[in-house]
Amino acid sequence: MEQATDATGMEETEVDGILTEPQQTEPATHSVLMQLREMILTGKIAPDTKLRAEALASLLNVSRTPIRSALAVLSAEGVVNYSVNRGYMVRAVTVRDVFDSIEVRASLEGIAARTTVDRGWEPEALDWLSGLVRQGRAILDRGEWSEQIEHDWYQLNWQFHRAIMRACRNEVLRNATRMTLIYPVLGDAARLCPAIAACVAPRHRQVPAAPPVHVLESQAEHEELLAAFRREDADAAQRVMARHVLATRHRLHAIVMPR
């Protein structure tokens, strides 16, 4: 299969994998890894479920080889637990785990944003980032919202963060950030993360008809970050990115009900 290439010459598969997958991950493993991670983090595969390679291979219509490779990565990330006697089992994620992971991710991505300025942006990479920001703005300017539109915008959001992580050219930082991704990133965690959804009122899990305020604010922060990169302001880039990521924690903390 040919890899799609955008106008800047950057391969889409390359951009898609820069934050969550190790560089040596094969395309088949990458696809399986993305599917398994999303199924686990959204609760489609329940906590404490034993993960059998044969059953998962049948479910995803692949061989057992990419399944086993994906499970090893998920174990390293802390999404699943492994023991010699019991094999792989889905880890139960708590609300505290989610909040802690967002807090750590804010610090790491802030450093990544600063590092991109310190090391310099390649023109093609900055053009790619600018294109993602424009596409996100175009979605919101339509004034409509649905599960599909939410997914489309969050996909751009995810690519935006990945592009920044790639531009920092720091594999240690990238690998550390991977360890914080224990909640869904392709939609609103208040609705899609089982640990959070179980603790918020139904009104906070509904999909509105218009873009929600937190998404509008997030898009504005993307634009603010892009401006900081263009004027080579490392301090502002780090500050805005940390605030940007922490905004999710603040919003979720405000709506989670004590249990």
C-alpha atoms as a PDB file:
ATOM      1  CA  MET A   1       0.000   0.000   0.000  1.00  0.00           C
ATOM      2  CA  GLU A   2       1.334   3.429  -0.905  1.00  0.00           C
ATOM      3  CA  GLN A   3       1.740   5.959   1.870  1.00  0.00           C
ATOM      4  CA  ALA A   4      -0.217   9.173   1.426  1.00  0.00           C
ATOM      5  CA  THR A   5       1.917  12.296   1.197  1.00  0.00           C
ATOM      6  CA  ASP A   6       0.739  15.853   1.817  1.00  0.00           C
ATOM      7  CA  ALA A   7       1.855  18.948  -0.057  1.00  0.00           C
ATOM      8  CA  THR A   8       4.890  19.381   2.174  1.00  0.00           C
ATOM      9  CA  GLY A   9       6.189  15.920   1.340  1.00  0.00           C
ATOM     10  CA  MET A  10       5.586  14.573   4.842  1.00  0.00           C
ATOM     11  CA  GLU A  11       4.092  11.096   4.891  1.00  0.00           C
ATOM     12  CA  GLU A  12       0.835  10.842   6.838  1.00  0.00           C
ATOM     13  CA  THR A  13       1.843   7.572   8.458  1.00  0.00           C
ATOM     14  CA  GLU A  14       5.057   9.182   9.639  1.00  0.00           C
ATOM     15  CA  VAL A  15       3.194  12.076  11.227  1.00  0.00           C
ATOM     16  CA  ASP A  16       0.567   9.798  12.773  1.00  0.00           C
ATOM     17  CA  GLY A  17       3.087   7.723  14.668  1.00  0.00           C
ATOM     18  CA  ILE A  18       5.455  10.264  16.106  1.00  0.00           C
ATOM     19  CA  LEU A  19       4.097  10.465  19.625  1.00  0.00           C
ATOM     20  CA  THR A  20       2.622   7.132  20.541  1.00  0.00           C
ATOM     21  CA  GLU A  21       4.629   4.495  18.694  1.00  0.00           C
ATOM     22  CA  PRO A  22       8.337   3.640  18.867  1.00  0.00           C
ATOM     23  CA  GLN A  23      10.239   4.271  15.653  1.00  0.00           C
ATOM     24  CA  GLN A  24      10.741   0.561  15.029  1.00  0.00           C
ATOM     25  CA  THR A  25       7.008  -0.225  15.046  1.00  0.00           C
ATOM     26  CA  GLU A  26       5.975  -1.915  11.781  1.00  0.00           C
ATOM     27  CA  PRO A  27       2.915  -0.557   9.887  1.00  0.00           C
ATOM     28  CA  ALA A  28       0.785  -3.619  10.730  1.00  0.00           C
ATOM     29  CA  THR A  29       1.698  -3.361  14.407  1.00  0.00           C
ATOM     30  CA  HIS A  30       1.045   0.378  14.351  1.00  0.00           C
ATOM     31  CA  SER A  31      -2.495  -0.154  13.050  1.00  0.00           C
ATOM     32  CA  VAL A  32      -3.228  -2.922  15.547  1.00  0.00           C
ATOM     33  CA  LEU A  33      -1.700  -0.893  18.363  1.00  0.00           C
ATOM     34  CA  MET A  34      -3.890   2.114  17.609  1.00  0.00           C
ATOM     35  CA  GLN A  35      -7.023  -0.049  17.466  1.00  0.00           C
ATOM     36  CA  LEU A  36      -6.261  -1.977  20.644  1.00  0.00           C
ATOM     37  CA  ARG A  37      -5.305   1.134  22.594  1.00  0.00           C
ATOM     38  CA  GLU A  38      -8.526   2.922  21.652  1.00  0.00           C
ATOM     39  CA  MET A  39     -10.655  -0.156  22.443  1.00  0.00           C
ATOM     40  CA  ILE A  40      -9.049  -0.438  25.873  1.00  0.00           C
ATOM     41  CA  LEU A  41      -9.028   3.250  26.780  1.00  0.00           C
ATOM     42  CA  THR A  42     -12.680   3.714  25.783  1.00  0.00           C
ATOM     43  CA  GLY A  43     -13.802   0.638  27.723  1.00  0.00           C
ATOM     44  CA  LYS A  44     -14.770  -1.482  24.714  1.00  0.00           C
ATOM     45  CA  ILE A  45     -12.400  -4.009  26.261  1.00  0.00           C
ATOM     46  CA  ALA A  46     -13.173  -3.889  29.969  1.00  0.00           C
ATOM     47  CA  PRO A  47     -10.627  -3.556  32.790  1.00  0.00           C
ATOM     48  CA  ASP A  48      -9.189  -6.846  34.081  1.00  0.00           C
ATOM     49  CA  THR A  49      -9.996  -8.593  30.778  1.00  0.00           C
ATOM     50  CA  LYS A  50      -7.431 -11.224  29.865  1.00  0.00           C
ATOM     51  CA  LEU A  51      -6.033 -10.451  26.422  1.00  0.00           C
ATOM     52  CA  ARG A  52      -5.482 -13.577  24.331  1.00  0.00           C
ATOM     53  CA  ALA A  53      -3.490 -13.118  21.138  1.00  0.00           C
ATOM     54  CA  GLU A  54      -5.541 -15.698  19.237  1.00  0.00           C
ATOM     55  CA  ALA A  55      -8.888 -14.079  20.062  1.00  0.00           C
ATOM     56  CA  LEU A  56      -7.632 -10.561  19.307  1.00  0.00           C
ATOM     57  CA  ALA A  57      -6.104 -11.699  16.016  1.00  0.00           C
ATOM     58  CA  SER A  58      -9.478 -13.116  14.993  1.00  0.00           C
ATOM     59  CA  LEU A  59     -11.298  -9.966  16.131  1.00  0.00           C
ATOM     60  CA  LEU A  60      -9.032  -7.634  14.154  1.00  0.00           C
ATOM     61  CA  ASN A  61      -8.495 -10.034  11.254  1.00  0.00           C
ATOM     62  CA  VAL A  62      -4.709 -10.041  11.527  1.00  0.00           C
ATOM     63  CA  SER A  63      -2.029 -12.557  12.424  1.00  0.00           C
ATOM     64  CA  ARG A  64      -0.886 -13.047  16.003  1.00  0.00           C
ATOM     65  CA  THR A  65       2.508 -11.436  15.337  1.00  0.00           C
ATOM     66  CA  PRO A  66       1.346  -7.763  15.304  1.00  0.00           C
ATOM     67  CA  ILE A  67      -0.992  -8.533  18.220  1.00  0.00           C
ATOM     68  CA  ARG A  68       1.885  -9.760  20.359  1.00  0.00           C
ATOM     69  CA  SER A  69       4.041  -6.796  19.369  1.00  0.00           C
ATOM     70  CA  ALA A  70       1.227  -4.363  20.183  1.00  0.00           C
ATOM     71  CA  LEU A  71       0.594  -5.979  23.568  1.00  0.00           C
ATOM     72  CA  ALA A  72       4.266  -5.626  24.444  1.00  0.00           C
ATOM     73  CA  VAL A  73       4.122  -1.897  23.658  1.00  0.00           C
ATOM     74  CA  LEU A  74       0.884  -1.464  25.627  1.00  0.00           C
ATOM     75  CA  SER A  75       2.479  -3.224  28.571  1.00  0.00           C
ATOM     76  CA  ALA A  76       5.469  -0.868  28.437  1.00  0.00           C
ATOM     77  CA  GLU A  77       3.062   2.070  28.363  1.00  0.00           C
ATOM     78  CA  GLY A  78       1.171   0.802  31.413  1.00  0.00           C
ATOM     79  CA  VAL A  79      -2.125   0.348  29.543  1.00  0.00           C
ATOM     80  CA  VAL A  80      -2.060  -3.404  30.190  1.00  0.00           C
ATOM     81  CA  ASN A  81      -0.390  -5.492  32.878  1.00  0.00           C
ATOM     82  CA  TYR A  82       1.677  -8.600  32.222  1.00  0.00           C
ATOM     83  CA  SER A  83       2.571 -11.530  34.434  1.00  0.00           C
ATOM     84  CA  VAL A  84       4.173 -14.835  33.541  1.00  0.00           C
ATOM     85  CA  ASN A  85       1.290 -16.851  34.958  1.00  0.00           C
ATOM     86  CA  ARG A  86      -1.673 -14.745  33.806  1.00  0.00           C
ATOM     87  CA  GLY A  87      -0.403 -13.166  30.599  1.00  0.00           C
ATOM     88  CA  TYR A  88      -1.699  -9.756  29.518  1.00  0.00           C
ATOM     89  CA  MET A  89      -4.649  -8.157  31.299  1.00  0.00           C
ATOM     90  CA  VAL A  90      -6.267  -4.746  30.860  1.00  0.00           C
ATOM     91  CA  ARG A  91      -5.239  -2.368  33.600  1.00  0.00           C
ATOM     92  CA  ALA A  92      -8.014  -0.607  35.528  1.00  0.00           C
ATOM     93  CA  VAL A  93      -7.461   3.156  35.190  1.00  0.00           C
ATOM     94  CA  THR A  94      -8.735   5.422  37.960  1.00  0.00           C
ATOM     95  CA  VAL A  95      -9.751   9.085  37.915  1.00  0.00           C
ATOM     96  CA  ARG A  96      -6.587   9.901  39.869  1.00  0.00           C
ATOM     97  CA  ASP A  97      -4.513   8.075  37.231  1.00  0.00           C
ATOM     98  CA  VAL A  98      -6.054  10.241  34.505  1.00  0.00           C
ATOM     99  CA  PHE A  99      -5.472  13.481  36.405  1.00  0.00           C
ATOM    100  CA  ASP A 100      -1.886  12.513  37.239  1.00  0.00           C
ATOM    101  CA  SER A 101      -1.145  11.565  33.635  1.00  0.00           C
ATOM    102  CA  ILE A 102      -2.485  14.880  32.309  1.00  0.00           C
ATOM    103  CA  GLU A 103      -0.387  16.820  34.817  1.00  0.00           C
ATOM    104  CA  VAL A 104       2.799  15.008  33.811  1.00  0.00           C
ATOM    105  CA  ARG A 105       1.942  15.265  30.122  1.00  0.00           C
ATOM    106  CA  ALA A 106       1.531  19.053  30.479  1.00  0.00           C
ATOM    107  CA  SER A 107       5.086  19.379  31.769  1.00  0.00           C
ATOM    108  CA  LEU A 108       6.536  17.086  29.113  1.00  0.00           C
ATOM    109  CA  GLU A 109       4.718  18.679  26.189  1.00  0.00           C
ATOM    110  CA  GLY A 110       5.637  22.117  27.497  1.00  0.00           C
ATOM    111  CA  ILE A 111       9.286  21.086  27.347  1.00  0.00           C
ATOM    112  CA  ALA A 112       8.718  19.663  23.861  1.00  0.00           C
ATOM    113  CA  ALA A 113       7.184  22.936  22.643  1.00  0.00           C
ATOM    114  CA  ARG A 114      10.109  24.912  24.029  1.00  0.00           C
ATOM    115  CA  THR A 115      12.618  22.492  22.529  1.00  0.00           C
ATOM    116  CA  THR A 116      11.145  22.910  19.041  1.00  0.00           C
ATOM    117  CA  VAL A 117      11.987  26.605  19.225  1.00  0.00           C
ATOM    118  CA  ASP A 118      15.437  26.030  20.705  1.00  0.00           C
ATOM    119  CA  ARG A 119      16.313  23.512  17.994  1.00  0.00           C
ATOM    120  CA  GLY A 120      14.492  25.288  15.190  1.00  0.00           C
ATOM    121  CA  TRP A 121      11.487  24.346  13.070  1.00  0.00           C
ATOM    122  CA  GLU A 122      11.955  23.007   9.562  1.00  0.00           C
ATOM    123  CA  PRO A 123       9.858  25.172   7.188  1.00  0.00           C
ATOM    124  CA  GLU A 124       7.976  22.135   5.870  1.00  0.00           C
ATOM    125  CA  ALA A 125       7.111  20.960   9.376  1.00  0.00           C
ATOM    126  CA  LEU A 126       5.836  24.385  10.401  1.00  0.00           C
ATOM    127  CA  ASP A 127       3.758  24.558   7.215  1.00  0.00           C
ATOM    128  CA  TRP A 128       2.274  21.161   8.088  1.00  0.00           C
ATOM    129  CA  LEU A 129       1.404  22.384  11.586  1.00  0.00           C
ATOM    130  CA  SER A 130      -0.160  25.521  10.143  1.00  0.00           C
ATOM    131  CA  GLY A 131      -2.298  23.402   7.844  1.00  0.00           C
ATOM    132  CA  LEU A 132      -3.603  21.376  10.789  1.00  0.00           C
ATOM    133  CA  VAL A 133      -4.525  24.572  12.618  1.00  0.00           C
ATOM    134  CA  ARG A 134      -6.372  25.918   9.569  1.00  0.00           C
ATOM    135  CA  GLN A 135      -8.316  22.680   9.178  1.00  0.00           C
ATOM    136  CA  GLY A 136      -9.321  22.747  12.842  1.00  0.00           C
ATOM    137  CA  ARG A 137     -10.525  26.348  12.529  1.00  0.00           C
ATOM    138  CA  ALA A 138     -12.510  25.504   9.398  1.00  0.00           C
ATOM    139  CA  ILE A 139     -14.358  22.734  11.249  1.00  0.00           C
ATOM    140  CA  LEU A 140     -15.313  25.031  14.123  1.00  0.00           C
ATOM    141  CA  ASP A 141     -16.319  27.911  11.868  1.00  0.00           C
ATOM    142  CA  ARG A 142     -19.133  25.754  10.479  1.00  0.00           C
ATOM    143  CA  GLY A 143     -20.796  26.052  13.876  1.00  0.00           C
ATOM    144  CA  GLU A 144     -21.968  22.418  13.910  1.00  0.00           C
ATOM    145  CA  TRP A 145     -21.038  19.554  16.213  1.00  0.00           C
ATOM    146  CA  SER A 146     -21.664  15.807  16.313  1.00  0.00           C
ATOM    147  CA  GLU A 147     -19.799  12.650  17.292  1.00  0.00           C
ATOM    148  CA  GLN A 148     -18.242  12.469  13.823  1.00  0.00           C
ATOM    149  CA  ILE A 149     -17.264  16.140  13.772  1.00  0.00           C
ATOM    150  CA  GLU A 150     -15.847  15.760  17.288  1.00  0.00           C
ATOM    151  CA  HIS A 151     -13.766  12.812  16.108  1.00  0.00           C
ATOM    152  CA  ASP A 152     -12.539  14.746  13.058  1.00  0.00           C
ATOM    153  CA  TRP A 153     -11.474  17.742  15.150  1.00  0.00           C
ATOM    154  CA  TYR A 154      -9.796  15.614  17.811  1.00  0.00           C
ATOM    155  CA  GLN A 155      -7.928  13.725  15.091  1.00  0.00           C
ATOM    156  CA  LEU A 156      -6.468  17.035  13.919  1.00  0.00           C
ATOM    157  CA  ASN A 157      -5.740  17.946  17.537  1.00  0.00           C
ATOM    158  CA  TRP A 158      -3.860  14.692  17.988  1.00  0.00           C
ATOM    159  CA  GLN A 159      -1.848  15.222  14.813  1.00  0.00           C
ATOM    160  CA  PHE A 160      -1.040  18.757  16.015  1.00  0.00           C
ATOM    161  CA  HIS A 161       0.471  17.445  19.254  1.00  0.00           C
ATOM    162  CA  ARG A 162       2.310  14.678  17.435  1.00  0.00           C
ATOM    163  CA  ALA A 163       3.806  17.129  14.963  1.00  0.00           C
ATOM    164  CA  ILE A 164       5.220  19.193  17.830  1.00  0.00           C
ATOM    165  CA  MET A 165       6.658  16.103  19.481  1.00  0.00           C
ATOM    166  CA  ARG A 166       8.308  15.110  16.213  1.00  0.00           C
ATOM    167  CA  ALA A 167       9.725  18.606  15.716  1.00  0.00           C
ATOM    168  CA  CYS A 168      11.450  18.562  19.121  1.00  0.00           C
ATOM    169  CA  ARG A 169      13.589  15.640  17.898  1.00  0.00           C
ATOM    170  CA  ASN A 170      13.966  14.188  21.393  1.00  0.00           C
ATOM    171  CA  GLU A 171      13.255  10.452  21.532  1.00  0.00           C
ATOM    172  CA  VAL A 172      13.598  10.291  25.325  1.00  0.00           C
ATOM    173  CA  LEU A 173      10.954  12.987  25.717  1.00  0.00           C
ATOM    174  CA  ARG A 174       8.691  11.275  23.206  1.00  0.00           C
ATOM    175  CA  ASN A 175       8.941   7.934  24.987  1.00  0.00           C
ATOM    176  CA  ALA A 176       8.241   9.546  28.352  1.00  0.00           C
ATOM    177  CA  THR A 177       5.149  11.246  26.937  1.00  0.00           C
ATOM    178  CA  ARG A 178       3.838   7.927  25.610  1.00  0.00           C
ATOM    179  CA  MET A 179       3.586   6.710  29.208  1.00  0.00           C
ATOM    180  CA  THR A 180       0.998   9.403  29.993  1.00  0.00           C
ATOM    181  CA  LEU A 181      -1.482   8.370  27.304  1.00  0.00           C
ATOM    182  CA  ILE A 182      -3.841   6.300  29.442  1.00  0.00           C
ATOM    183  CA  TYR A 183      -7.071   8.064  28.462  1.00  0.00           C
ATOM    184  CA  PRO A 184      -8.840   8.499  25.082  1.00  0.00           C
ATOM    185  CA  VAL A 185      -7.460  11.262  22.892  1.00  0.00           C
ATOM    186  CA  LEU A 186      -9.792  11.085  19.874  1.00  0.00           C
ATOM    187  CA  GLY A 187     -12.781  12.637  21.628  1.00  0.00           C
ATOM    188  CA  ASP A 188     -13.985  14.153  24.871  1.00  0.00           C
ATOM    189  CA  ALA A 189     -12.552  12.205  27.811  1.00  0.00           C
ATOM    190  CA  ALA A 190     -15.580  13.175  29.899  1.00  0.00           C
ATOM    191  CA  ARG A 191     -17.660  10.938  27.647  1.00  0.00           C
ATOM    192  CA  LEU A 192     -15.199   8.386  26.309  1.00  0.00           C
ATOM    193  CA  CYS A 193     -12.996   7.589  29.313  1.00  0.00           C
ATOM    194  CA  PRO A 194     -14.913   5.049  31.461  1.00  0.00           C
ATOM    195  CA  ALA A 195     -13.289   6.153  34.734  1.00  0.00           C
ATOM    196  CA  ILE A 196     -14.298   9.773  34.131  1.00  0.00           C
ATOM    197  CA  ALA A 197     -17.690   9.112  32.527  1.00  0.00           C
ATOM    198  CA  ALA A 198     -18.765   7.107  35.569  1.00  0.00           C
ATOM    199  CA  CYS A 199     -18.202  10.169  37.762  1.00  0.00           C
ATOM    200  CA  VAL A 200     -19.821  12.978  35.770  1.00  0.00           C
ATOM    201  CA  ALA A 201     -23.460  13.978  35.377  1.00  0.00           C
ATOM    202  CA  PRO A 202     -25.226  12.827  32.168  1.00  0.00           C
ATOM    203  CA  ARG A 203     -25.380  16.398  30.828  1.00  0.00           C
ATOM    204  CA  HIS A 204     -21.582  16.473  30.659  1.00  0.00           C
ATOM    205  CA  ARG A 205     -21.569  13.324  28.525  1.00  0.00           C
ATOM    206  CA  GLN A 206     -23.939  14.670  25.877  1.00  0.00           C
ATOM    207  CA  VAL A 207     -22.724  15.786  22.460  1.00  0.00           C
ATOM    208  CA  PRO A 208     -23.896  19.367  21.866  1.00  0.00           C
ATOM    209  CA  ALA A 209     -25.234  20.721  18.578  1.00  0.00           C
ATOM    210  CA  ALA A 210     -22.565  23.450  18.407  1.00  0.00           C
ATOM    211  CA  PRO A 211     -18.813  23.316  19.146  1.00  0.00           C
ATOM    212  CA  PRO A 212     -18.337  23.244  22.940  1.00  0.00           C
ATOM    213  CA  VAL A 213     -16.524  26.047  24.721  1.00  0.00           C
ATOM    214  CA  HIS A 214     -13.545  23.906  25.717  1.00  0.00           C
ATOM    215  CA  VAL A 215     -12.910  22.957  22.083  1.00  0.00           C
ATOM    216  CA  LEU A 216     -13.138  26.581  20.948  1.00  0.00           C
ATOM    217  CA  GLU A 217     -10.627  27.516  23.646  1.00  0.00           C
ATOM    218  CA  SER A 218      -8.346  24.642  22.655  1.00  0.00           C
ATOM    219  CA  GLN A 219      -8.386  25.734  19.014  1.00  0.00           C
ATOM    220  CA  ALA A 220      -7.487  29.291  20.058  1.00  0.00           C
ATOM    221  CA  GLU A 221      -4.542  27.901  22.030  1.00  0.00           C
ATOM    222  CA  HIS A 222      -3.371  25.972  18.953  1.00  0.00           C
ATOM    223  CA  GLU A 223      -3.333  29.266  17.087  1.00  0.00           C
ATOM    224  CA  GLU A 224      -1.500  30.935  19.971  1.00  0.00           C
ATOM    225  CA  LEU A 225       1.117  28.183  19.949  1.00  0.00           C
ATOM    226  CA  LEU A 226       1.602  28.466  16.209  1.00  0.00           C
ATOM    227  CA  ALA A 227       2.184  32.192  16.583  1.00  0.00           C
ATOM    228  CA  ALA A 228       4.773  31.559  19.329  1.00  0.00           C
ATOM    229  CA  PHE A 229       6.616  29.085  17.084  1.00  0.00           C
ATOM    230  CA  ARG A 230       6.643  31.542  14.196  1.00  0.00           C
ATOM    231  CA  ARG A 231       8.138  34.342  16.278  1.00  0.00           C
ATOM    232  CA  GLU A 232      10.556  31.869  17.917  1.00  0.00           C
ATOM    233  CA  ASP A 233       9.359  32.616  21.452  1.00  0.00           C
ATOM    234  CA  ALA A 234      10.442  29.573  23.463  1.00  0.00           C
ATOM    235  CA  ASP A 235       9.132  30.878  26.790  1.00  0.00           C
ATOM    236  CA  ALA A 236       5.668  31.536  25.396  1.00  0.00           C
ATOM    237  CA  ALA A 237       5.580  28.178  23.602  1.00  0.00           C
ATOM    238  CA  GLN A 238       6.318  26.273  26.811  1.00  0.00           C
ATOM    239  CA  ARG A 239       3.892  28.338  28.870  1.00  0.00           C
ATOM    240  CA  VAL A 240       1.002  28.098  26.407  1.00  0.00           C
ATOM    241  CA  MET A 241       1.456  24.365  25.824  1.00  0.00           C
ATOM    242  CA  ALA A 242       1.516  23.541  29.537  1.00  0.00           C
ATOM    243  CA  ARG A 243      -1.607  25.647  30.090  1.00  0.00           C
ATOM    244  CA  HIS A 244      -3.245  24.071  27.041  1.00  0.00           C
ATOM    245  CA  VAL A 245      -2.810  20.496  28.280  1.00  0.00           C
ATOM    246  CA  LEU A 246      -3.705  21.333  31.885  1.00  0.00           C
ATOM    247  CA  ALA A 247      -6.979  22.888  30.722  1.00  0.00           C
ATOM    248  CA  THR A 248      -8.338  19.364  30.232  1.00  0.00           C
ATOM    249  CA  ARG A 249      -7.483  18.449  33.817  1.00  0.00           C
ATOM    250  CA  HIS A 250      -9.081  21.612  35.171  1.00  0.00           C
ATOM    251  CA  ARG A 251     -12.288  21.025  33.186  1.00  0.00           C
ATOM    252  CA  LEU A 252     -12.593  17.373  34.176  1.00  0.00           C
ATOM    253  CA  HIS A 253     -11.799  18.119  37.813  1.00  0.00           C
ATOM    254  CA  ALA A 254     -14.611  20.700  37.859  1.00  0.00           C
ATOM    255  CA  ILE A 255     -17.262  18.233  36.657  1.00  0.00           C
ATOM    256  CA  VAL A 256     -16.193  14.993  38.358  1.00  0.00           C
ATOM    257  CA  MET A 257     -18.484  14.185  41.254  1.00  0.00           C
ATOM    258  CA  PRO A 258     -17.035  12.719  44.479  1.00  0.00           C
ATOM    259  CA  ARG A 259     -17.749   9.014  44.907  1.00  0.00           C
END
